[in-house]
Amino acid sequence: MRRQSARVLALLAFAAISIVSCKKDKVEENDEEVITTMILRFTPQGGGTSLTYSFDDADGPGGNNPVQNELVLAPNSVYNVSVQLLNKTTDPAGDITEEVTEESDAHRFYYQPSAGSSITVNGFNNDADGIPLGTSSIWTTGTSATGSVTVTLRHYPGNPPGKVLADAVDSPKSNTDISVEFTSR
């Protein structure tokens, strides 16, 4: 009887391991990206010197502290802004911006100027459904650009992702891939 019970338990254990291993092989579409670096490129409308600011955590979460620039923008100016994302945990570094653009229906950038900032952000590029993607945008500064702007990339998993225009930055339908607060002056 003991031998038969041991065999039954062994078969049940084998079946459980087989089921778990089958589930493990299934890969969910639109996995969140590994992003170590965010680069913002500012091109003044009407001409002028282009500016580049970044957040860089080259070794990923943990380890060394990230290096980040403060935004220094001219008052009463308008900039065309593009964002680039990199994964520097691979060699060579991967350009995640390409993946975000290819999967535009599953991603969205949110730009949140602080209350004390005179920066406004609009003019986003859109996905195929007309919903903001935000890899490019237009930033306008007022008389002073002091404050901060938080740039957040949200990822909408699922097939289809279900992203809609009214989704807030903290929508439970999406997850944060990266969020960086840039101080400005």
N, C-alpha and C. Protein backbone atom coordinates (compact mmCIF):
# COMPACT_ATOMS: atom_id res chain seq x y z
N MET A 1 0.82 -1.19 0.00
CA MET A 1 0.00 0.00 0.00
C MET A 1 0.86 1.26 0.00
N ARG A 2 1.94 1.19 0.81
CA ARG A 2 2.83 2.35 0.86
C ARG A 2 3.49 2.59 -0.49
N ARG A 3 3.87 1.50 -1.14
CA ARG A 3 4.52 1.62 -2.43
C ARG A 3 3.57 2.23 -3.47
N GLN A 4 2.31 1.83 -3.43
CA GLN A 4 1.33 2.37 -4.36
C GLN A 4 1.09 3.85 -4.07
N SER A 5 1.01 4.25 -2.80
CA SER A 5 0.84 5.65 -2.43
C SER A 5 2.04 6.48 -2.88
N ALA A 6 3.23 5.92 -2.75
CA ALA A 6 4.43 6.62 -3.18
C ALA A 6 4.41 6.83 -4.69
N ARG A 7 3.96 5.80 -5.44
CA ARG A 7 3.87 5.94 -6.89
C ARG A 7 2.86 7.00 -7.29
N VAL A 8 1.72 7.02 -6.63
CA VAL A 8 0.69 8.01 -6.93
C VAL A 8 1.23 9.41 -6.65
N LEU A 9 1.91 9.57 -5.50
CA LEU A 9 2.49 10.88 -5.17
C LEU A 9 3.55 11.28 -6.20
N ALA A 10 4.35 10.33 -6.63
CA ALA A 10 5.38 10.62 -7.62
C ALA A 10 4.74 11.04 -8.95
N LEU A 11 3.68 10.35 -9.36
CA LEU A 11 2.99 10.71 -10.60
C LEU A 11 2.34 12.10 -10.48
N LEU A 12 1.74 12.39 -9.34
CA LEU A 12 1.14 13.71 -9.12
C LEU A 12 2.21 14.80 -9.16
N ALA A 13 3.35 14.56 -8.54
CA ALA A 13 4.45 15.53 -8.53
C ALA A 13 4.95 15.76 -9.96
N PHE A 14 5.11 14.67 -10.72
CA PHE A 14 5.56 14.79 -12.10
C PHE A 14 4.55 15.58 -12.94
N ALA A 15 3.27 15.30 -12.74
CA ALA A 15 2.22 16.01 -13.47
C ALA A 15 2.24 17.50 -13.11
N ALA A 16 2.42 17.83 -11.84
CA ALA A 16 2.46 19.23 -11.41
C ALA A 16 3.66 19.95 -12.02
N ILE A 17 4.80 19.28 -12.04
CA ILE A 17 6.01 19.88 -12.63
C ILE A 17 5.80 20.08 -14.13
N SER A 18 5.19 19.13 -14.80
CA SER A 18 4.94 19.25 -16.23
C SER A 18 4.01 20.41 -16.53
N ILE A 19 2.96 20.58 -15.73
CA ILE A 19 2.01 21.67 -15.94
C ILE A 19 2.71 23.01 -15.72
N VAL A 20 3.48 23.12 -14.65
CA VAL A 20 4.19 24.37 -14.36
C VAL A 20 5.18 24.68 -15.47
N SER A 21 5.91 23.68 -15.94
CA SER A 21 6.90 23.95 -16.97
C SER A 21 6.23 24.35 -18.28
N CYS A 22 5.05 23.82 -18.57
CA CYS A 22 4.34 24.24 -19.77
C CYS A 22 3.91 25.68 -19.66
N LYS A 23 3.41 26.09 -18.50
CA LYS A 23 2.99 27.47 -18.30
C LYS A 23 4.18 28.40 -18.36
N LYS A 24 5.32 27.98 -17.89
CA LYS A 24 6.51 28.81 -17.87
C LYS A 24 6.97 29.15 -19.28
N ASP A 25 6.76 28.24 -20.24
CA ASP A 25 7.20 28.47 -21.61
C ASP A 25 6.34 29.51 -22.33
N LYS A 26 5.14 29.75 -21.84
CA LYS A 26 4.25 30.71 -22.48
C LYS A 26 4.73 32.12 -22.17
N VAL A 27 4.99 32.91 -23.21
CA VAL A 27 5.50 34.26 -23.04
C VAL A 27 4.39 35.26 -23.31
N GLU A 28 4.19 36.19 -22.37
CA GLU A 28 3.17 37.21 -22.56
C GLU A 28 3.68 38.25 -23.56
N GLU A 29 2.83 38.66 -24.48
CA GLU A 29 3.21 39.69 -25.43
C GLU A 29 3.38 41.02 -24.72
N ASN A 30 4.20 41.91 -25.29
CA ASN A 30 4.40 43.26 -24.78
C ASN A 30 4.95 43.28 -23.37
N ASP A 31 5.99 42.49 -23.09
CA ASP A 31 6.66 42.56 -21.79
C ASP A 31 7.21 43.96 -21.59
N GLU A 32 7.30 44.37 -20.32
CA GLU A 32 7.88 45.68 -20.04
C GLU A 32 9.34 45.70 -20.45
N GLU A 33 9.80 46.85 -20.88
CA GLU A 33 11.15 47.00 -21.38
C GLU A 33 12.11 47.31 -20.23
N VAL A 34 13.39 46.95 -20.41
CA VAL A 34 14.44 47.37 -19.48
C VAL A 34 14.98 48.68 -20.03
N ILE A 35 14.82 49.75 -19.26
CA ILE A 35 15.25 51.07 -19.69
C ILE A 35 16.18 51.63 -18.64
N THR A 36 17.40 51.95 -19.04
CA THR A 36 18.38 52.52 -18.11
C THR A 36 18.63 54.00 -18.36
N THR A 37 18.27 54.47 -19.57
CA THR A 37 18.63 55.83 -19.95
C THR A 37 17.48 56.51 -20.68
N MET A 38 17.21 57.76 -20.30
CA MET A 38 16.24 58.60 -20.99
C MET A 38 16.97 59.87 -21.43
N ILE A 39 16.89 60.16 -22.72
CA ILE A 39 17.54 61.34 -23.29
C ILE A 39 16.46 62.24 -23.90
N LEU A 40 16.46 63.51 -23.50
CA LEU A 40 15.54 64.50 -24.06
C LEU A 40 16.36 65.45 -24.93
N ARG A 41 15.92 65.62 -26.18
CA ARG A 41 16.60 66.53 -27.12
C ARG A 41 15.66 67.69 -27.45
N PHE A 42 16.13 68.90 -27.18
CA PHE A 42 15.35 70.12 -27.37
C PHE A 42 15.90 70.89 -28.56
N THR A 43 15.03 71.17 -29.54
CA THR A 43 15.42 71.98 -30.69
C THR A 43 14.55 73.23 -30.66
N PRO A 44 15.17 74.41 -30.46
CA PRO A 44 14.37 75.64 -30.40
C PRO A 44 13.68 75.92 -31.73
N GLN A 45 12.38 76.22 -31.67
CA GLN A 45 11.68 76.63 -32.88
C GLN A 45 12.19 78.01 -33.27
N GLY A 46 12.42 78.23 -34.53
CA GLY A 46 12.94 79.51 -34.99
C GLY A 46 14.46 79.58 -34.98
N GLY A 47 15.12 78.47 -34.64
CA GLY A 47 16.58 78.43 -34.67
C GLY A 47 17.21 78.57 -33.30
N GLY A 48 18.46 78.25 -33.24
CA GLY A 48 19.20 78.30 -31.98
C GLY A 48 19.90 76.98 -31.72
N THR A 49 20.62 76.94 -30.63
CA THR A 49 21.40 75.77 -30.27
C THR A 49 20.51 74.68 -29.68
N SER A 50 20.64 73.46 -30.19
CA SER A 50 19.91 72.32 -29.64
C SER A 50 20.49 71.95 -28.29
N LEU A 51 19.64 71.44 -27.42
CA LEU A 51 20.04 71.07 -26.06
C LEU A 51 19.72 69.60 -25.83
N THR A 52 20.56 68.92 -25.06
CA THR A 52 20.34 67.51 -24.72
C THR A 52 20.49 67.33 -23.22
N TYR A 53 19.50 66.69 -22.61
CA TYR A 53 19.50 66.40 -21.17
C TYR A 53 19.18 64.92 -21.00
N SER A 54 19.75 64.31 -19.94
CA SER A 54 19.52 62.87 -19.79
C SER A 54 19.44 62.44 -18.33
N PHE A 55 18.86 61.26 -18.18
CA PHE A 55 18.87 60.47 -16.96
C PHE A 55 19.55 59.18 -17.36
N ASP A 56 20.57 58.77 -16.59
CA ASP A 56 21.32 57.58 -16.98
C ASP A 56 21.62 56.73 -15.75
N ASP A 57 21.07 55.53 -15.73
CA ASP A 57 21.34 54.54 -14.69
C ASP A 57 21.90 53.30 -15.41
N ALA A 58 23.13 53.45 -15.92
CA ALA A 58 23.72 52.49 -16.85
C ALA A 58 23.74 51.05 -16.35
N ASP A 59 23.84 50.85 -15.03
CA ASP A 59 23.88 49.47 -14.52
C ASP A 59 22.50 48.99 -14.07
N GLY A 60 21.46 49.77 -14.33
CA GLY A 60 20.10 49.38 -13.98
C GLY A 60 19.80 49.63 -12.51
N PRO A 61 18.61 49.23 -12.04
CA PRO A 61 18.22 49.46 -10.65
C PRO A 61 19.23 48.84 -9.67
N GLY A 62 19.47 49.55 -8.58
CA GLY A 62 20.47 49.10 -7.62
C GLY A 62 21.84 49.48 -8.13
N GLY A 63 22.87 49.10 -7.44
CA GLY A 63 24.22 49.41 -7.90
C GLY A 63 24.54 50.88 -7.78
N ASN A 64 25.16 51.44 -8.82
CA ASN A 64 25.57 52.84 -8.81
C ASN A 64 24.36 53.76 -8.93
N ASN A 65 24.49 54.96 -8.34
CA ASN A 65 23.43 55.96 -8.44
C ASN A 65 23.33 56.47 -9.88
N PRO A 66 22.11 56.81 -10.32
CA PRO A 66 21.96 57.37 -11.66
C PRO A 66 22.58 58.76 -11.75
N VAL A 67 22.90 59.16 -12.97
CA VAL A 67 23.39 60.50 -13.26
C VAL A 67 22.29 61.20 -14.04
N GLN A 68 21.97 62.44 -13.63
CA GLN A 68 20.85 63.14 -14.25
C GLN A 68 21.18 64.61 -14.41
N ASN A 69 20.76 65.19 -15.55
CA ASN A 69 20.95 66.61 -15.82
C ASN A 69 19.74 67.41 -15.36
N GLU A 70 19.99 68.65 -15.01
CA GLU A 70 18.92 69.61 -14.76
C GLU A 70 18.60 70.29 -16.08
N LEU A 71 17.31 70.52 -16.35
CA LEU A 71 16.91 71.20 -17.58
C LEU A 71 17.18 72.69 -17.43
N VAL A 72 17.88 73.27 -18.38
CA VAL A 72 18.11 74.71 -18.41
C VAL A 72 17.54 75.21 -19.73
N LEU A 73 16.34 75.80 -19.66
CA LEU A 73 15.62 76.23 -20.86
C LEU A 73 15.45 77.74 -20.82
N ALA A 74 15.51 78.36 -22.00
CA ALA A 74 15.33 79.80 -22.10
C ALA A 74 13.88 80.17 -21.80
N PRO A 75 13.67 81.29 -21.12
CA PRO A 75 12.29 81.73 -20.88
C PRO A 75 11.61 82.16 -22.19
N ASN A 76 10.29 82.08 -22.19
CA ASN A 76 9.47 82.51 -23.33
C ASN A 76 9.95 81.90 -24.65
N SER A 77 10.15 80.59 -24.62
CA SER A 77 10.65 79.88 -25.80
C SER A 77 9.79 78.66 -26.09
N VAL A 78 9.90 78.19 -27.33
CA VAL A 78 9.18 77.00 -27.76
C VAL A 78 10.21 76.02 -28.33
N TYR A 79 10.13 74.76 -27.89
CA TYR A 79 11.08 73.73 -28.30
C TYR A 79 10.35 72.53 -28.88
N ASN A 80 10.89 71.97 -29.96
CA ASN A 80 10.49 70.64 -30.41
C ASN A 80 11.34 69.67 -29.61
N VAL A 81 10.69 68.70 -28.97
CA VAL A 81 11.40 67.79 -28.07
C VAL A 81 11.18 66.35 -28.52
N SER A 82 12.28 65.60 -28.53
CA SER A 82 12.18 64.16 -28.80
C SER A 82 12.79 63.43 -27.61
N VAL A 83 12.29 62.23 -27.39
CA VAL A 83 12.80 61.40 -26.29
C VAL A 83 13.40 60.14 -26.88
N GLN A 84 14.52 59.71 -26.31
CA GLN A 84 15.16 58.46 -26.71
C GLN A 84 15.38 57.63 -25.45
N LEU A 85 15.13 56.34 -25.55
CA LEU A 85 15.30 55.41 -24.44
C LEU A 85 16.34 54.36 -24.80
N LEU A 86 17.22 54.05 -23.86
CA LEU A 86 18.26 53.05 -24.10
C LEU A 86 18.25 52.01 -22.99
N ASN A 87 18.71 50.81 -23.33
CA ASN A 87 18.99 49.75 -22.36
C ASN A 87 20.50 49.52 -22.40
N LYS A 88 21.21 50.05 -21.41
CA LYS A 88 22.66 49.93 -21.38
C LYS A 88 23.13 48.69 -20.61
N THR A 89 22.19 47.82 -20.22
CA THR A 89 22.61 46.58 -19.58
C THR A 89 23.03 45.54 -20.62
N THR A 90 22.85 45.86 -21.91
CA THR A 90 23.28 44.98 -22.99
C THR A 90 24.44 45.64 -23.73
N ASP A 91 25.23 44.83 -24.43
CA ASP A 91 26.34 45.36 -25.21
C ASP A 91 26.21 44.86 -26.64
N PRO A 92 25.94 45.71 -27.61
CA PRO A 92 25.82 47.16 -27.47
C PRO A 92 24.49 47.54 -26.83
N ALA A 93 24.41 48.80 -26.38
CA ALA A 93 23.18 49.30 -25.76
C ALA A 93 22.02 49.19 -26.76
N GLY A 94 20.87 48.77 -26.26
CA GLY A 94 19.69 48.65 -27.11
C GLY A 94 18.90 49.95 -27.14
N ASP A 95 18.42 50.33 -28.33
CA ASP A 95 17.59 51.53 -28.47
C ASP A 95 16.13 51.10 -28.29
N ILE A 96 15.60 51.33 -27.12
CA ILE A 96 14.24 50.91 -26.77
C ILE A 96 13.21 51.80 -27.45
N THR A 97 13.61 52.99 -27.89
CA THR A 97 12.68 53.90 -28.56
C THR A 97 12.07 53.24 -29.79
N GLU A 98 12.87 52.48 -30.52
CA GLU A 98 12.37 51.78 -31.71
C GLU A 98 11.26 50.81 -31.35
N GLU A 99 11.45 50.05 -30.26
CA GLU A 99 10.44 49.09 -29.82
C GLU A 99 9.18 49.81 -29.36
N VAL A 100 9.33 50.91 -28.63
CA VAL A 100 8.18 51.68 -28.17
C VAL A 100 7.40 52.21 -29.36
N THR A 101 8.09 52.69 -30.39
CA THR A 101 7.43 53.20 -31.59
C THR A 101 6.72 52.08 -32.34
N GLU A 102 7.38 50.93 -32.48
CA GLU A 102 6.75 49.79 -33.15
C GLU A 102 5.51 49.30 -32.41
N GLU A 103 5.54 49.39 -31.09
CA GLU A 103 4.41 48.96 -30.26
C GLU A 103 3.69 50.19 -29.71
N SER A 104 3.47 51.18 -30.56
CA SER A 104 2.90 52.46 -30.11
C SER A 104 1.52 52.31 -29.48
N ASP A 105 0.75 51.32 -29.92
CA ASP A 105 -0.58 51.12 -29.33
C ASP A 105 -0.50 50.61 -27.89
N ALA A 106 0.68 50.16 -27.46
CA ALA A 106 0.86 49.62 -26.11
C ALA A 106 1.70 50.54 -25.21
N HIS A 107 2.02 51.76 -25.70
CA HIS A 107 2.85 52.68 -24.93
C HIS A 107 2.30 54.09 -24.99
N ARG A 108 2.64 54.87 -23.95
CA ARG A 108 2.26 56.28 -23.94
C ARG A 108 3.16 57.04 -22.97
N PHE A 109 3.71 58.15 -23.45
CA PHE A 109 4.47 59.05 -22.58
C PHE A 109 3.51 60.06 -21.97
N TYR A 110 3.74 60.35 -20.70
CA TYR A 110 3.01 61.39 -19.99
C TYR A 110 4.03 62.42 -19.51
N TYR A 111 3.71 63.69 -19.67
CA TYR A 111 4.58 64.79 -19.25
C TYR A 111 3.81 65.62 -18.23
N GLN A 112 4.36 65.72 -17.01
CA GLN A 112 3.66 66.40 -15.93
C GLN A 112 4.54 67.52 -15.35
N PRO A 113 4.33 68.77 -15.83
CA PRO A 113 5.05 69.88 -15.22
C PRO A 113 4.54 70.12 -13.79
N SER A 114 5.44 70.50 -12.89
CA SER A 114 5.03 70.79 -11.51
C SER A 114 4.22 72.08 -11.49
N ALA A 115 3.51 72.27 -10.38
CA ALA A 115 2.65 73.45 -10.24
C ALA A 115 3.45 74.75 -10.35
N GLY A 116 4.69 74.77 -9.87
CA GLY A 116 5.50 75.98 -9.90
C GLY A 116 6.21 76.22 -11.21
N SER A 117 6.10 75.30 -12.14
CA SER A 117 6.79 75.42 -13.42
C SER A 117 5.93 76.19 -14.41
N SER A 118 6.57 76.99 -15.24
CA SER A 118 5.80 77.68 -16.29
C SER A 118 5.97 76.97 -17.63
N ILE A 119 6.28 75.69 -17.58
CA ILE A 119 6.43 74.88 -18.79
C ILE A 119 5.11 74.20 -19.12
N THR A 120 4.72 74.26 -20.39
CA THR A 120 3.58 73.49 -20.86
C THR A 120 4.09 72.52 -21.93
N VAL A 121 3.47 71.34 -21.97
CA VAL A 121 3.87 70.31 -22.92
C VAL A 121 2.62 69.88 -23.69
N ASN A 122 2.70 69.93 -25.02
CA ASN A 122 1.60 69.49 -25.88
C ASN A 122 2.18 69.11 -27.24
N GLY A 123 1.35 68.99 -28.26
CA GLY A 123 1.82 68.69 -29.60
C GLY A 123 2.45 67.31 -29.74
N PHE A 124 1.86 66.32 -29.08
CA PHE A 124 2.41 64.96 -29.10
C PHE A 124 2.20 64.29 -30.44
N ASN A 125 3.15 63.42 -30.82
CA ASN A 125 2.87 62.53 -31.95
C ASN A 125 1.93 61.44 -31.42
N ASN A 126 1.15 60.86 -32.33
CA ASN A 126 0.11 59.91 -31.95
C ASN A 126 0.38 58.51 -32.48
N ASP A 127 -0.32 57.53 -31.90
CA ASP A 127 -0.29 56.18 -32.44
C ASP A 127 -1.27 56.09 -33.60
N ALA A 128 -1.44 54.92 -34.19
CA ALA A 128 -2.31 54.75 -35.35
C ALA A 128 -3.78 55.03 -35.05
N ASP A 129 -4.16 54.99 -33.76
CA ASP A 129 -5.54 55.25 -33.37
C ASP A 129 -5.77 56.71 -32.97
N GLY A 130 -4.74 57.56 -33.13
CA GLY A 130 -4.88 58.97 -32.80
C GLY A 130 -4.72 59.29 -31.32
N ILE A 131 -4.21 58.34 -30.56
CA ILE A 131 -3.98 58.54 -29.12
C ILE A 131 -2.52 58.92 -28.93
N PRO A 132 -2.23 59.91 -28.06
CA PRO A 132 -0.85 60.34 -27.90
C PRO A 132 0.11 59.19 -27.59
N LEU A 133 1.24 59.20 -28.31
CA LEU A 133 2.37 58.34 -28.00
C LEU A 133 3.38 59.17 -27.21
N GLY A 134 3.77 60.31 -27.76
CA GLY A 134 4.61 61.25 -27.03
C GLY A 134 6.10 61.06 -27.17
N THR A 135 6.58 60.33 -28.19
CA THR A 135 8.03 60.28 -28.40
C THR A 135 8.52 61.62 -28.93
N SER A 136 7.60 62.44 -29.42
CA SER A 136 7.92 63.82 -29.75
C SER A 136 6.81 64.71 -29.19
N SER A 137 7.20 65.93 -28.83
CA SER A 137 6.25 66.86 -28.23
C SER A 137 6.77 68.28 -28.41
N ILE A 138 5.96 69.24 -28.01
CA ILE A 138 6.35 70.65 -28.05
C ILE A 138 6.27 71.20 -26.63
N TRP A 139 7.38 71.78 -26.19
CA TRP A 139 7.47 72.37 -24.85
C TRP A 139 7.53 73.88 -25.00
N THR A 140 6.71 74.58 -24.22
CA THR A 140 6.71 76.03 -24.22
C THR A 140 7.03 76.51 -22.81
N THR A 141 8.00 77.44 -22.71
CA THR A 141 8.36 77.99 -21.41
C THR A 141 7.73 79.37 -21.26
N GLY A 142 7.40 79.72 -20.03
CA GLY A 142 6.89 81.05 -19.72
C GLY A 142 8.04 81.95 -19.33
N THR A 143 7.74 82.93 -18.48
CA THR A 143 8.77 83.88 -18.07
C THR A 143 9.87 83.22 -17.25
N SER A 144 9.56 82.09 -16.63
CA SER A 144 10.55 81.34 -15.87
C SER A 144 10.26 79.86 -16.03
N ALA A 145 11.30 79.07 -16.14
CA ALA A 145 11.11 77.62 -16.31
C ALA A 145 11.45 76.88 -15.02
N THR A 146 11.44 77.57 -13.88
CA THR A 146 11.79 76.94 -12.61
C THR A 146 10.70 75.95 -12.20
N GLY A 147 11.11 74.81 -11.70
CA GLY A 147 10.18 73.77 -11.25
C GLY A 147 10.69 72.41 -11.67
N SER A 148 9.78 71.58 -12.14
CA SER A 148 10.18 70.26 -12.62
C SER A 148 9.15 69.74 -13.61
N VAL A 149 9.59 68.77 -14.39
CA VAL A 149 8.69 68.05 -15.31
C VAL A 149 8.99 66.57 -15.13
N THR A 150 7.94 65.80 -14.83
CA THR A 150 8.09 64.35 -14.72
C THR A 150 7.69 63.73 -16.05
N VAL A 151 8.59 62.91 -16.58
CA VAL A 151 8.36 62.21 -17.85
C VAL A 151 8.19 60.73 -17.53
N THR A 152 7.02 60.20 -17.87
CA THR A 152 6.69 58.82 -17.53
C THR A 152 6.27 58.06 -18.78
N LEU A 153 6.87 56.89 -18.98
CA LEU A 153 6.43 55.99 -20.05
C LEU A 153 5.60 54.89 -19.42
N ARG A 154 4.35 54.78 -19.89
CA ARG A 154 3.45 53.73 -19.42
C ARG A 154 3.30 52.67 -20.51
N HIS A 155 3.17 51.43 -20.05
CA HIS A 155 3.07 50.25 -20.90
C HIS A 155 1.70 49.62 -20.69
N TYR A 156 0.97 49.39 -21.77
CA TYR A 156 -0.36 48.78 -21.72
C TYR A 156 -0.26 47.35 -22.21
N PRO A 157 -0.25 46.37 -21.28
CA PRO A 157 -0.16 44.97 -21.70
C PRO A 157 -1.50 44.49 -22.28
N GLY A 158 -1.47 43.34 -22.87
CA GLY A 158 -2.69 42.73 -23.38
C GLY A 158 -2.74 42.78 -24.89
N ASN A 159 -3.69 42.05 -25.44
CA ASN A 159 -3.86 42.00 -26.87
C ASN A 159 -5.34 42.03 -27.19
N PRO A 160 -5.91 43.16 -27.59
CA PRO A 160 -5.27 44.45 -27.81
C PRO A 160 -5.00 45.16 -26.48
N PRO A 161 -4.09 46.14 -26.48
CA PRO A 161 -3.69 46.80 -25.24
C PRO A 161 -4.79 47.60 -24.55
N GLY A 162 -5.72 48.17 -25.26
CA GLY A 162 -6.84 48.87 -24.63
C GLY A 162 -6.52 50.29 -24.18
N LYS A 163 -5.52 50.93 -24.77
CA LYS A 163 -5.17 52.31 -24.44
C LYS A 163 -6.22 53.24 -25.04
N VAL A 164 -6.70 54.21 -24.24
CA VAL A 164 -7.65 55.20 -24.74
C VAL A 164 -7.19 56.60 -24.33
N LEU A 165 -7.72 57.61 -24.99
CA LEU A 165 -7.31 58.99 -24.78
C LEU A 165 -7.48 59.42 -23.32
N ALA A 166 -8.52 58.98 -22.66
CA ALA A 166 -8.81 59.43 -21.30
C ALA A 166 -7.94 58.77 -20.22
N ASP A 167 -7.09 57.81 -20.58
CA ASP A 167 -6.26 57.13 -19.58
C ASP A 167 -5.35 58.12 -18.85
N ALA A 168 -5.41 58.08 -17.53
CA ALA A 168 -4.54 58.91 -16.71
C ALA A 168 -3.18 58.24 -16.55
N VAL A 169 -2.19 58.99 -16.11
CA VAL A 169 -0.84 58.46 -15.94
C VAL A 169 -0.82 57.28 -14.97
N ASP A 170 -1.73 57.27 -14.02
CA ASP A 170 -1.78 56.19 -13.02
C ASP A 170 -2.88 55.17 -13.30
N SER A 171 -3.28 55.06 -14.56
CA SER A 171 -4.34 54.12 -14.94
C SER A 171 -3.97 52.70 -14.51
N PRO A 172 -4.92 51.98 -13.90
CA PRO A 172 -4.63 50.60 -13.51
C PRO A 172 -4.48 49.66 -14.71
N LYS A 173 -4.80 50.15 -15.92
CA LYS A 173 -4.65 49.34 -17.13
C LYS A 173 -3.21 49.28 -17.61
N SER A 174 -2.34 50.13 -17.04
CA SER A 174 -0.97 50.22 -17.53
C SER A 174 0.03 50.17 -16.39
N ASN A 175 1.29 49.94 -16.76
CA ASN A 175 2.39 49.88 -15.79
C ASN A 175 3.46 50.88 -16.21
N THR A 176 4.24 51.32 -15.24
CA THR A 176 5.31 52.27 -15.53
C THR A 176 6.56 51.53 -16.00
N ASP A 177 7.04 51.90 -17.20
CA ASP A 177 8.32 51.39 -17.69
C ASP A 177 9.46 52.22 -17.11
N ILE A 178 9.29 53.55 -17.09
CA ILE A 178 10.28 54.46 -16.51
C ILE A 178 9.57 55.78 -16.20
N SER A 179 10.01 56.40 -15.11
CA SER A 179 9.49 57.71 -14.74
C SER A 179 10.65 58.52 -14.17
N VAL A 180 10.89 59.69 -14.74
CA VAL A 180 12.00 60.54 -14.34
C VAL A 180 11.49 61.95 -14.09
N GLU A 181 11.84 62.51 -12.94
CA GLU A 181 11.52 63.90 -12.66
C GLU A 181 12.76 64.74 -12.97
N PHE A 182 12.62 65.63 -13.96
CA PHE A 182 13.69 66.55 -14.33
C PHE A 182 13.41 67.89 -13.69
N THR A 183 14.34 68.40 -12.89
CA THR A 183 14.19 69.75 -12.36
C THR A 183 14.58 70.72 -13.47
N SER A 184 13.98 71.90 -13.42
CA SER A 184 14.24 72.89 -14.48
C SER A 184 14.46 74.25 -13.85
N ARG A 185 15.24 75.04 -14.56
CA ARG A 185 15.44 76.43 -14.14
C ARG A 185 15.59 77.30 -15.36
